[in-house]
Amino acid sequence: MGGFILSESLIGKHKRNEHMKTLLSVLFLAVTFTVSAQYKKPIIAQIKTPQAQCAECKDRIEKFMKSEEGVVKVVVDIRKKITTITFAPDRTNMENIKTAIANLGFDADDVVAEPEQYKRLPLCCKREVDGGGPPKKQ
C-alpha cells in the first residue's frame, strides 16, 4: 500500500510541474508580446541649423543634445548646416528637439534661437548678419 501512495504522490508532483511550466511559458509569451508591442522604432530627422558652421558649433550641439531625453544619436554636418538626430518617439518629439536646440542658442528650422543664450555663443557660432560665421581665410 505504501508503494501505491508514493507513486501517486510522484504523479501529482509531475502534473503540478507540468502545469507550472505551462503557466510560466504563457506568462513569458505575454510579457514578450507586451514589451514588443510598446517598442517604437527610432525616428531619424534632419533639422536645418544654419549657425552650425564650425567645429565649436558642432561640439556644442552634439554634446548638449546627447543629454536630452529620448535622443539616441546626434550628428552635425557643418558643411550642409544640418543636424541629424535619431530619437525615440515615445520619449520626445520634433518640437521638443527643435526647442532644445533653440534653447542652446541656435536656430533650428523655424524655431528661432533663445536670445539670451544666443548672446552667450562665441562669435563663430553667431549668424553672419551679426558678424558670425567660420573664421575668414586670409
N, C-alpha and C. Protein backbone atom coordinates (compact mmCIF):
# COMPACT_ATOMS: atom_id res chain seq x y z
N MET A 1 0.82 -1.19 0.00
CA MET A 1 0.00 0.00 0.00
C MET A 1 0.86 1.25 0.00
N GLY A 2 2.00 1.19 0.72
CA GLY A 2 2.87 2.36 0.79
C GLY A 2 3.46 2.72 -0.56
N GLY A 3 3.77 1.70 -1.39
CA GLY A 3 4.32 1.95 -2.72
C GLY A 3 3.32 2.64 -3.62
N PHE A 4 2.04 2.29 -3.45
CA PHE A 4 0.98 2.90 -4.25
C PHE A 4 0.85 4.39 -3.93
N ILE A 5 0.90 4.75 -2.66
CA ILE A 5 0.78 6.15 -2.24
C ILE A 5 1.98 6.95 -2.74
N LEU A 6 3.16 6.36 -2.67
CA LEU A 6 4.38 7.03 -3.12
C LEU A 6 4.30 7.35 -4.61
N SER A 7 3.90 6.38 -5.42
CA SER A 7 3.84 6.63 -6.85
C SER A 7 2.73 7.60 -7.19
N GLU A 8 1.63 7.60 -6.45
CA GLU A 8 0.55 8.54 -6.68
C GLU A 8 1.00 9.97 -6.38
N SER A 9 1.79 10.16 -5.31
CA SER A 9 2.27 11.49 -4.98
C SER A 9 3.30 11.96 -6.01
N LEU A 10 4.08 11.05 -6.55
CA LEU A 10 5.03 11.43 -7.61
C LEU A 10 4.30 11.88 -8.87
N ILE A 11 3.23 11.19 -9.21
CA ILE A 11 2.42 11.58 -10.37
C ILE A 11 1.82 12.96 -10.14
N GLY A 12 1.34 13.21 -8.94
CA GLY A 12 0.77 14.52 -8.62
C GLY A 12 1.80 15.63 -8.74
N LYS A 13 3.02 15.39 -8.26
CA LYS A 13 4.09 16.38 -8.37
C LYS A 13 4.44 16.63 -9.82
N HIS A 14 4.48 15.57 -10.61
CA HIS A 14 4.81 15.70 -12.04
C HIS A 14 3.77 16.57 -12.75
N LYS A 15 2.48 16.32 -12.44
CA LYS A 15 1.41 17.11 -13.06
C LYS A 15 1.52 18.59 -12.64
N ARG A 16 1.82 18.83 -11.38
CA ARG A 16 1.98 20.20 -10.90
C ARG A 16 3.14 20.89 -11.61
N ASN A 17 4.24 20.16 -11.79
CA ASN A 17 5.40 20.72 -12.50
C ASN A 17 5.04 21.06 -13.94
N GLU A 18 4.27 20.18 -14.58
CA GLU A 18 3.85 20.44 -15.96
C GLU A 18 2.95 21.69 -16.02
N HIS A 19 2.04 21.80 -15.08
CA HIS A 19 1.16 22.97 -15.04
C HIS A 19 1.98 24.25 -14.81
N MET A 20 2.96 24.16 -13.94
CA MET A 20 3.81 25.31 -13.64
C MET A 20 4.60 25.72 -14.88
N LYS A 21 5.15 24.75 -15.60
CA LYS A 21 5.90 25.05 -16.83
C LYS A 21 5.00 25.72 -17.86
N THR A 22 3.79 25.22 -18.00
CA THR A 22 2.84 25.80 -18.95
C THR A 22 2.50 27.24 -18.55
N LEU A 23 2.24 27.43 -17.28
CA LEU A 23 1.90 28.76 -16.78
C LEU A 23 3.07 29.74 -17.01
N LEU A 24 4.29 29.31 -16.72
CA LEU A 24 5.46 30.16 -16.92
C LEU A 24 5.67 30.47 -18.40
N SER A 25 5.43 29.51 -19.26
CA SER A 25 5.57 29.74 -20.71
C SER A 25 4.57 30.77 -21.20
N VAL A 26 3.33 30.65 -20.76
CA VAL A 26 2.29 31.61 -21.15
C VAL A 26 2.64 33.00 -20.62
N LEU A 27 3.08 33.07 -19.39
CA LEU A 27 3.46 34.35 -18.79
C LEU A 27 4.63 34.99 -19.56
N PHE A 28 5.62 34.19 -19.91
CA PHE A 28 6.77 34.69 -20.67
C PHE A 28 6.33 35.25 -22.02
N LEU A 29 5.47 34.52 -22.71
CA LEU A 29 4.98 34.99 -24.01
C LEU A 29 4.18 36.28 -23.88
N ALA A 30 3.37 36.38 -22.85
CA ALA A 30 2.57 37.59 -22.63
C ALA A 30 3.47 38.79 -22.38
N VAL A 31 4.49 38.63 -21.57
CA VAL A 31 5.43 39.73 -21.28
C VAL A 31 6.19 40.11 -22.54
N THR A 32 6.67 39.13 -23.29
CA THR A 32 7.41 39.39 -24.52
C THR A 32 6.55 40.15 -25.52
N PHE A 33 5.30 39.73 -25.68
CA PHE A 33 4.39 40.40 -26.60
C PHE A 33 4.12 41.83 -26.17
N THR A 34 3.90 42.04 -24.89
CA THR A 34 3.63 43.38 -24.36
C THR A 34 4.82 44.30 -24.58
N VAL A 35 6.02 43.83 -24.30
CA VAL A 35 7.22 44.65 -24.48
C VAL A 35 7.43 44.98 -25.94
N SER A 36 7.26 44.01 -26.83
CA SER A 36 7.48 44.28 -28.26
C SER A 36 6.39 45.18 -28.82
N ALA A 37 5.19 45.11 -28.30
CA ALA A 37 4.12 45.98 -28.77
C ALA A 37 4.35 47.43 -28.35
N GLN A 38 5.06 47.66 -27.25
CA GLN A 38 5.30 49.01 -26.77
C GLN A 38 6.51 49.66 -27.43
N TYR A 39 7.38 48.88 -28.07
CA TYR A 39 8.58 49.41 -28.68
C TYR A 39 8.22 50.19 -29.94
N LYS A 40 8.73 51.40 -30.04
CA LYS A 40 8.54 52.20 -31.24
C LYS A 40 9.90 52.42 -31.88
N LYS A 41 9.94 52.23 -33.16
CA LYS A 41 11.18 52.37 -33.91
C LYS A 41 11.69 53.81 -33.82
N PRO A 42 13.00 54.00 -33.60
CA PRO A 42 13.55 55.36 -33.54
C PRO A 42 13.32 56.12 -34.85
N ILE A 43 13.16 57.42 -34.74
CA ILE A 43 12.95 58.29 -35.89
C ILE A 43 14.25 59.04 -36.16
N ILE A 44 14.59 59.16 -37.44
CA ILE A 44 15.77 59.94 -37.85
C ILE A 44 15.25 61.20 -38.52
N ALA A 45 15.65 62.35 -38.00
CA ALA A 45 15.17 63.63 -38.52
C ALA A 45 16.34 64.55 -38.83
N GLN A 46 16.16 65.36 -39.86
CA GLN A 46 17.17 66.36 -40.20
C GLN A 46 16.59 67.74 -39.91
N ILE A 47 17.39 68.54 -39.22
CA ILE A 47 16.98 69.89 -38.82
C ILE A 47 17.99 70.87 -39.36
N LYS A 48 17.50 71.92 -40.02
CA LYS A 48 18.39 72.96 -40.51
C LYS A 48 18.91 73.76 -39.32
N THR A 49 20.21 73.81 -39.19
CA THR A 49 20.85 74.60 -38.13
C THR A 49 21.87 75.51 -38.82
N PRO A 50 21.40 76.64 -39.35
CA PRO A 50 22.26 77.50 -40.17
C PRO A 50 23.47 78.08 -39.45
N GLN A 51 23.46 78.11 -38.13
CA GLN A 51 24.61 78.64 -37.40
C GLN A 51 25.66 77.56 -37.12
N ALA A 52 25.36 76.31 -37.43
CA ALA A 52 26.33 75.23 -37.21
C ALA A 52 27.36 75.31 -38.32
N GLN A 53 28.40 76.13 -38.09
CA GLN A 53 29.34 76.46 -39.16
C GLN A 53 30.79 76.18 -38.82
N CYS A 54 31.07 75.69 -37.62
CA CYS A 54 32.45 75.39 -37.26
C CYS A 54 32.47 74.23 -36.25
N ALA A 55 33.66 73.76 -35.93
CA ALA A 55 33.80 72.63 -35.01
C ALA A 55 33.24 72.94 -33.63
N GLU A 56 33.37 74.19 -33.21
CA GLU A 56 32.85 74.56 -31.89
C GLU A 56 31.32 74.48 -31.86
N CYS A 57 30.67 74.92 -32.92
CA CYS A 57 29.20 74.81 -33.02
C CYS A 57 28.79 73.34 -32.97
N LYS A 58 29.48 72.55 -33.77
CA LYS A 58 29.22 71.11 -33.85
C LYS A 58 29.32 70.46 -32.48
N ASP A 59 30.41 70.73 -31.77
CA ASP A 59 30.62 70.15 -30.44
C ASP A 59 29.54 70.58 -29.47
N ARG A 60 29.19 71.86 -29.48
CA ARG A 60 28.17 72.36 -28.55
C ARG A 60 26.84 71.65 -28.76
N ILE A 61 26.40 71.59 -30.01
CA ILE A 61 25.10 70.98 -30.30
C ILE A 61 25.12 69.49 -29.97
N GLU A 62 26.16 68.78 -30.42
CA GLU A 62 26.21 67.33 -30.19
C GLU A 62 26.27 66.99 -28.71
N LYS A 63 27.10 67.67 -27.96
CA LYS A 63 27.22 67.37 -26.52
C LYS A 63 25.92 67.67 -25.78
N PHE A 64 25.32 68.81 -26.09
CA PHE A 64 24.09 69.21 -25.41
C PHE A 64 22.94 68.27 -25.76
N MET A 65 22.78 67.97 -27.04
CA MET A 65 21.63 67.17 -27.46
C MET A 65 21.74 65.70 -27.03
N LYS A 66 22.94 65.20 -26.87
CA LYS A 66 23.09 63.81 -26.42
C LYS A 66 22.54 63.62 -25.02
N SER A 67 22.47 64.69 -24.25
CA SER A 67 21.95 64.58 -22.89
C SER A 67 20.43 64.78 -22.82
N GLU A 68 19.81 65.12 -23.93
CA GLU A 68 18.36 65.32 -23.95
C GLU A 68 17.64 63.98 -23.90
N GLU A 69 16.57 63.92 -23.13
CA GLU A 69 15.83 62.67 -23.01
C GLU A 69 15.26 62.24 -24.36
N GLY A 70 15.45 60.97 -24.67
CA GLY A 70 14.91 60.41 -25.89
C GLY A 70 15.82 60.50 -27.10
N VAL A 71 16.88 61.30 -27.00
CA VAL A 71 17.80 61.44 -28.12
C VAL A 71 18.79 60.28 -28.08
N VAL A 72 18.88 59.57 -29.20
CA VAL A 72 19.73 58.39 -29.29
C VAL A 72 21.07 58.74 -29.95
N LYS A 73 21.03 59.58 -30.98
CA LYS A 73 22.24 59.90 -31.73
C LYS A 73 22.11 61.30 -32.33
N VAL A 74 23.24 62.02 -32.38
CA VAL A 74 23.27 63.37 -32.94
C VAL A 74 24.50 63.49 -33.83
N VAL A 75 24.29 63.98 -35.05
CA VAL A 75 25.40 64.24 -35.96
C VAL A 75 25.16 65.60 -36.61
N VAL A 76 26.12 66.51 -36.42
CA VAL A 76 26.03 67.84 -37.02
C VAL A 76 26.95 67.90 -38.23
N ASP A 77 26.38 68.26 -39.37
CA ASP A 77 27.15 68.42 -40.61
C ASP A 77 27.35 69.92 -40.82
N ILE A 78 28.58 70.40 -40.54
CA ILE A 78 28.82 71.85 -40.62
C ILE A 78 28.91 72.33 -42.07
N ARG A 79 29.18 71.45 -43.00
CA ARG A 79 29.20 71.87 -44.41
C ARG A 79 27.79 72.15 -44.92
N LYS A 80 26.88 71.25 -44.58
CA LYS A 80 25.49 71.39 -45.03
C LYS A 80 24.64 72.21 -44.06
N LYS A 81 25.18 72.43 -42.86
CA LYS A 81 24.46 73.15 -41.80
C LYS A 81 23.15 72.45 -41.44
N ILE A 82 23.28 71.13 -41.29
CA ILE A 82 22.14 70.28 -40.94
C ILE A 82 22.52 69.40 -39.75
N THR A 83 21.60 69.26 -38.82
CA THR A 83 21.79 68.38 -37.68
C THR A 83 20.85 67.19 -37.85
N THR A 84 21.43 66.00 -37.86
CA THR A 84 20.64 64.77 -37.98
C THR A 84 20.52 64.16 -36.59
N ILE A 85 19.28 63.96 -36.17
CA ILE A 85 19.02 63.45 -34.83
C ILE A 85 18.18 62.19 -34.91
N THR A 86 18.62 61.16 -34.20
CA THR A 86 17.85 59.94 -34.06
C THR A 86 17.25 59.97 -32.66
N PHE A 87 15.92 59.80 -32.59
CA PHE A 87 15.28 59.89 -31.28
C PHE A 87 14.17 58.85 -31.12
N ALA A 88 13.86 58.58 -29.86
CA ALA A 88 12.79 57.64 -29.52
C ALA A 88 11.47 58.41 -29.47
N PRO A 89 10.53 58.12 -30.37
CA PRO A 89 9.29 58.90 -30.43
C PRO A 89 8.38 58.74 -29.21
N ASP A 90 8.61 57.72 -28.41
CA ASP A 90 7.81 57.57 -27.20
C ASP A 90 8.38 58.36 -26.03
N ARG A 91 9.55 59.02 -26.25
CA ARG A 91 10.18 59.78 -25.17
C ARG A 91 10.35 61.26 -25.49
N THR A 92 10.28 61.63 -26.78
CA THR A 92 10.39 63.03 -27.17
C THR A 92 9.77 63.20 -28.56
N ASN A 93 9.78 64.43 -29.06
CA ASN A 93 9.23 64.69 -30.40
C ASN A 93 10.03 65.80 -31.07
N MET A 94 9.70 66.07 -32.33
CA MET A 94 10.45 67.07 -33.10
C MET A 94 10.42 68.45 -32.47
N GLU A 95 9.27 68.86 -31.98
CA GLU A 95 9.17 70.19 -31.39
C GLU A 95 10.06 70.33 -30.16
N ASN A 96 10.10 69.30 -29.32
CA ASN A 96 10.98 69.33 -28.15
C ASN A 96 12.45 69.42 -28.56
N ILE A 97 12.81 68.70 -29.61
CA ILE A 97 14.19 68.70 -30.08
C ILE A 97 14.57 70.07 -30.63
N LYS A 98 13.71 70.64 -31.47
CA LYS A 98 13.98 71.98 -32.02
C LYS A 98 14.07 73.02 -30.91
N THR A 99 13.18 72.91 -29.94
CA THR A 99 13.20 73.84 -28.81
C THR A 99 14.48 73.71 -28.01
N ALA A 100 14.95 72.48 -27.83
CA ALA A 100 16.20 72.26 -27.08
C ALA A 100 17.38 72.91 -27.82
N ILE A 101 17.42 72.76 -29.14
CA ILE A 101 18.50 73.38 -29.93
C ILE A 101 18.40 74.90 -29.83
N ALA A 102 17.18 75.43 -29.92
CA ALA A 102 16.97 76.89 -29.81
C ALA A 102 17.35 77.38 -28.42
N ASN A 103 17.07 76.60 -27.39
CA ASN A 103 17.44 76.98 -26.02
C ASN A 103 18.95 76.98 -25.82
N LEU A 104 19.66 76.29 -26.68
CA LEU A 104 21.12 76.29 -26.66
C LEU A 104 21.69 77.55 -27.31
N GLY A 105 20.84 78.25 -28.10
CA GLY A 105 21.25 79.49 -28.75
C GLY A 105 21.34 79.40 -30.26
N PHE A 106 20.92 78.27 -30.83
CA PHE A 106 20.99 78.05 -32.28
C PHE A 106 19.60 78.03 -32.89
N ASP A 107 19.47 78.57 -34.11
CA ASP A 107 18.22 78.45 -34.85
C ASP A 107 18.06 76.99 -35.25
N ALA A 108 16.81 76.49 -35.22
CA ALA A 108 16.52 75.11 -35.59
C ALA A 108 15.26 75.08 -36.45
N ASP A 109 15.47 74.94 -37.76
CA ASP A 109 14.37 75.03 -38.73
C ASP A 109 13.64 76.36 -38.51
N ASP A 110 12.37 76.30 -38.16
CA ASP A 110 11.56 77.51 -37.99
C ASP A 110 11.58 78.06 -36.57
N VAL A 111 12.31 77.41 -35.68
CA VAL A 111 12.38 77.86 -34.28
C VAL A 111 13.62 78.73 -34.11
N VAL A 112 13.39 79.97 -33.71
CA VAL A 112 14.49 80.94 -33.57
C VAL A 112 15.20 80.74 -32.23
N ALA A 113 16.51 80.94 -32.25
CA ALA A 113 17.34 80.77 -31.05
C ALA A 113 16.85 81.64 -29.90
N GLU A 114 16.97 81.13 -28.70
CA GLU A 114 16.62 81.88 -27.50
C GLU A 114 17.61 83.04 -27.37
N PRO A 115 17.13 84.29 -27.32
CA PRO A 115 18.00 85.47 -27.40
C PRO A 115 19.13 85.52 -26.36
N GLU A 116 18.84 85.20 -25.11
CA GLU A 116 19.89 85.28 -24.08
C GLU A 116 20.98 84.24 -24.31
N GLN A 117 20.59 83.06 -24.72
CA GLN A 117 21.58 82.01 -25.00
C GLN A 117 22.37 82.35 -26.26
N TYR A 118 21.68 82.94 -27.24
CA TYR A 118 22.36 83.33 -28.48
C TYR A 118 23.47 84.34 -28.18
N LYS A 119 23.20 85.28 -27.29
CA LYS A 119 24.21 86.29 -26.93
C LYS A 119 25.45 85.66 -26.32
N ARG A 120 25.29 84.54 -25.63
CA ARG A 120 26.41 83.88 -24.96
C ARG A 120 27.27 83.03 -25.90
N LEU A 121 26.79 82.80 -27.12
CA LEU A 121 27.57 81.99 -28.06
C LEU A 121 28.84 82.73 -28.48
N PRO A 122 29.90 81.98 -28.78
CA PRO A 122 31.09 82.63 -29.33
C PRO A 122 30.76 83.22 -30.71
N LEU A 123 31.52 84.19 -31.14
CA LEU A 123 31.25 84.89 -32.40
C LEU A 123 31.14 83.92 -33.58
N CYS A 124 31.97 82.90 -33.61
CA CYS A 124 31.94 81.96 -34.74
C CYS A 124 30.61 81.23 -34.86
N CYS A 125 29.85 81.12 -33.77
CA CYS A 125 28.58 80.39 -33.78
C CYS A 125 27.37 81.30 -33.99
N LYS A 126 27.61 82.57 -34.19
CA LYS A 126 26.51 83.52 -34.40
C LYS A 126 26.18 83.64 -35.88
N ARG A 127 25.04 84.25 -36.14
CA ARG A 127 24.60 84.46 -37.53
C ARG A 127 25.57 85.39 -38.25
N GLU A 128 25.69 85.19 -39.55
CA GLU A 128 26.60 86.02 -40.35
C GLU A 128 26.20 87.49 -40.31
N VAL A 129 24.91 87.78 -40.24
CA VAL A 129 24.46 89.18 -40.17
C VAL A 129 24.92 89.86 -38.88
N ASP A 130 25.27 89.06 -37.87
CA ASP A 130 25.77 89.59 -36.60
C ASP A 130 27.29 89.51 -36.52
N GLY A 131 27.94 89.26 -37.67
CA GLY A 131 29.39 89.19 -37.70
C GLY A 131 29.94 87.80 -37.42
N GLY A 132 29.06 86.82 -37.33
CA GLY A 132 29.48 85.46 -37.01
C GLY A 132 29.87 84.68 -38.25
N GLY A 133 30.06 83.42 -38.04
CA GLY A 133 30.43 82.53 -39.14
C GLY A 133 31.81 81.96 -38.90
N PRO A 134 32.20 81.06 -39.77
CA PRO A 134 33.52 80.46 -39.60
C PRO A 134 34.63 81.49 -39.79
N PRO A 135 35.79 81.25 -39.20
CA PRO A 135 36.88 82.21 -39.36
C PRO A 135 37.19 82.45 -40.84
N LYS A 136 37.39 83.70 -41.17
CA LYS A 136 37.68 84.08 -42.57
C LYS A 136 39.11 83.72 -42.91
N LYS A 137 39.27 83.13 -44.11
CA LYS A 137 40.63 82.81 -44.59
C LYS A 137 41.25 84.07 -45.18
N GLN A 138 42.52 84.27 -44.85
CA GLN A 138 43.19 85.48 -45.34
C GLN A 138 44.18 85.17 -46.41
